[in-house]
């Protein structure tokens, strides 16, 4: 099992979601790097398809630090949950702070297209 926040991120990136989740939970409980631990738990939960857990941890990270990364993470989680307005709001805020970021721009565009389709009755 990963023993540091860096190893936890490595486990997440390697697809070892269970190890990553346990390591991020341990870091969160130890009150060290809480923002990144909560972001990691959100990412692991998202990767495992646990969208409600992802939202819980994403919101927890956002409350600890309203930085561009937490805004993009919440945008992605809300996008997967189908919460278009919330997704658009977080991603637009991310882009205002982070500048031109291809992934954020694509995610925002996707939400705008889905919103337009929904309003037109095509969703």
Protein backbone atom coordinates (compact mmCIF):
# COMPACT_ATOMS: atom_id res chain seq x y z
CA UNK A 1 0.00 0.00 0.00
CA UNK A 2 1.19 3.52 -0.72
CA UNK A 3 2.60 5.28 2.34
CA UNK A 4 2.90 8.91 1.27
CA UNK A 5 0.77 11.37 -0.64
CA UNK A 6 3.22 11.13 -3.55
CA UNK A 7 2.99 7.35 -3.57
CA UNK A 8 -0.79 7.60 -3.32
CA UNK A 9 -0.89 9.76 -6.48
CA UNK A 10 1.43 7.26 -8.20
CA UNK A 11 -0.90 4.41 -7.24
CA UNK A 12 -3.87 6.35 -8.62
CA UNK A 13 -2.09 7.09 -11.89
CA UNK A 14 -1.09 3.41 -12.17
CA UNK A 15 -4.69 2.29 -11.77
CA UNK A 16 -4.22 0.88 -8.27
CA UNK A 17 -7.36 2.61 -7.08
CA UNK A 18 -7.84 0.62 -3.87
CA UNK A 19 -4.27 1.29 -2.68
CA UNK A 20 -4.61 4.93 -3.65
CA UNK A 21 -7.91 5.29 -1.86
CA UNK A 22 -6.54 3.79 1.37
CA UNK A 23 -3.42 5.98 1.26
CA UNK A 24 -5.39 9.16 0.57
CA UNK A 25 -7.80 8.31 3.40
CA UNK A 26 -4.85 7.84 5.76
CA UNK A 27 -3.38 11.20 4.69
CA UNK A 28 -6.75 12.88 5.16
CA UNK A 29 -7.05 11.48 8.69
CA UNK A 30 -3.52 12.61 9.57
CA UNK A 31 -4.44 16.17 8.59
CA UNK A 32 -1.44 16.48 6.28
CA UNK A 33 -2.00 17.61 2.71
CA UNK A 34 -5.76 17.44 3.29
CA UNK A 35 -6.67 19.24 0.09
CA UNK A 36 -4.64 16.88 -2.07
CA UNK A 37 -5.73 13.85 -0.08
CA UNK A 38 -9.39 14.79 -0.62
CA UNK A 39 -8.68 15.44 -4.32
CA UNK A 40 -7.03 12.03 -4.55
CA UNK A 41 -9.99 10.35 -2.89
CA UNK A 42 -12.28 12.13 -5.32
CA UNK A 43 -10.15 10.99 -8.25
CA UNK A 44 -10.01 7.39 -7.06
CA UNK A 45 -13.75 7.36 -6.43
CA UNK A 46 -14.35 8.84 -9.87
CA UNK A 47 -12.12 6.23 -11.51
CA UNK A 48 -14.02 3.45 -9.71
CA UNK A 49 -17.39 4.89 -10.76
CA UNK A 50 -18.40 5.99 -7.26
CA UNK A 51 -19.71 9.37 -8.34
CA UNK A 52 -21.41 10.34 -5.08
CA UNK A 53 -18.22 9.62 -3.11
CA UNK A 54 -16.24 11.55 -5.73
CA UNK A 55 -18.57 14.51 -5.25
CA UNK A 56 -18.29 14.31 -1.46
CA UNK A 57 -14.49 14.33 -1.53
CA UNK A 58 -14.34 16.88 -4.34
CA UNK A 59 -16.49 19.27 -2.33
CA UNK A 60 -14.34 18.60 0.73
CA UNK A 61 -11.20 19.52 -1.25
CA UNK A 62 -12.90 22.64 -2.62
CA UNK A 63 -13.84 23.80 0.90
CA UNK A 64 -10.22 23.43 1.97
CA UNK A 65 -8.79 25.21 -1.06
CA UNK A 66 -10.72 26.91 -3.84
CA UNK A 67 -7.85 26.53 -6.30
CA UNK A 68 -8.10 25.94 -10.05
CA UNK A 69 -7.45 22.21 -9.66
CA UNK A 70 -10.34 21.68 -7.25
CA UNK A 71 -12.62 23.69 -9.54
CA UNK A 72 -11.70 21.54 -12.56
CA UNK A 73 -12.15 18.37 -10.51
CA UNK A 74 -15.63 19.44 -9.40
CA UNK A 75 -16.43 20.39 -12.97
CA UNK A 76 -15.53 16.90 -14.15
CA UNK A 77 -17.48 15.21 -11.34
CA UNK A 78 -20.58 17.32 -11.97
CA UNK A 79 -20.22 16.60 -15.68
CA UNK A 80 -20.28 12.85 -15.06
CA UNK A 81 -23.28 13.27 -12.76
CA UNK A 82 -25.12 15.20 -15.46
CA UNK A 83 -25.20 18.42 -13.42
CA UNK A 84 -24.54 20.65 -16.40
CA UNK A 85 -24.98 24.04 -14.72
CA UNK A 86 -22.64 23.17 -11.86
CA UNK A 87 -20.10 21.62 -14.24
CA UNK A 88 -20.14 24.69 -16.46
CA UNK A 89 -19.78 27.03 -13.49
CA UNK A 90 -16.75 25.21 -12.04
CA UNK A 91 -14.98 24.73 -15.37
CA UNK A 92 -15.56 28.35 -16.41
CA UNK A 93 -14.13 29.48 -13.07
CA UNK A 94 -11.16 27.16 -13.60
CA UNK A 95 -10.51 28.63 -17.05
CA UNK A 96 -10.68 32.21 -15.72
CA UNK A 97 -7.92 31.37 -13.27
CA UNK A 98 -5.84 28.88 -15.26
CA UNK A 99 -6.03 30.54 -18.65
CA UNK A 100 -6.24 28.56 -21.86
CA UNK A 101 -6.18 24.92 -20.81
CA UNK A 102 -7.18 22.46 -23.55
CA UNK A 103 -8.86 19.91 -21.26
CA UNK A 104 -10.83 22.55 -19.37
CA UNK A 105 -11.86 24.24 -22.62
CA UNK A 106 -13.02 20.86 -24.03
CA UNK A 107 -14.97 20.02 -20.87
CA UNK A 108 -16.68 23.40 -20.91
CA UNK A 109 -17.56 23.00 -24.59
CA UNK A 110 -19.00 19.55 -23.90
CA UNK A 111 -21.25 20.97 -21.19
CA UNK A 112 -22.43 23.77 -23.44
CA UNK A 113 -23.28 21.30 -26.23
CA UNK A 114 -25.12 18.98 -23.83
CA UNK A 115 -27.04 21.91 -22.36
CA UNK A 116 -28.07 23.07 -25.84
CA UNK A 117 -29.15 19.52 -26.78
CA UNK A 118 -31.12 19.18 -23.56
CA UNK A 119 -32.85 22.51 -24.11
CA UNK A 120 -33.69 21.43 -27.67
CA UNK A 121 -35.13 18.15 -26.36
CA UNK A 122 -32.41 15.92 -27.84
CA UNK A 123 -30.96 14.68 -24.55
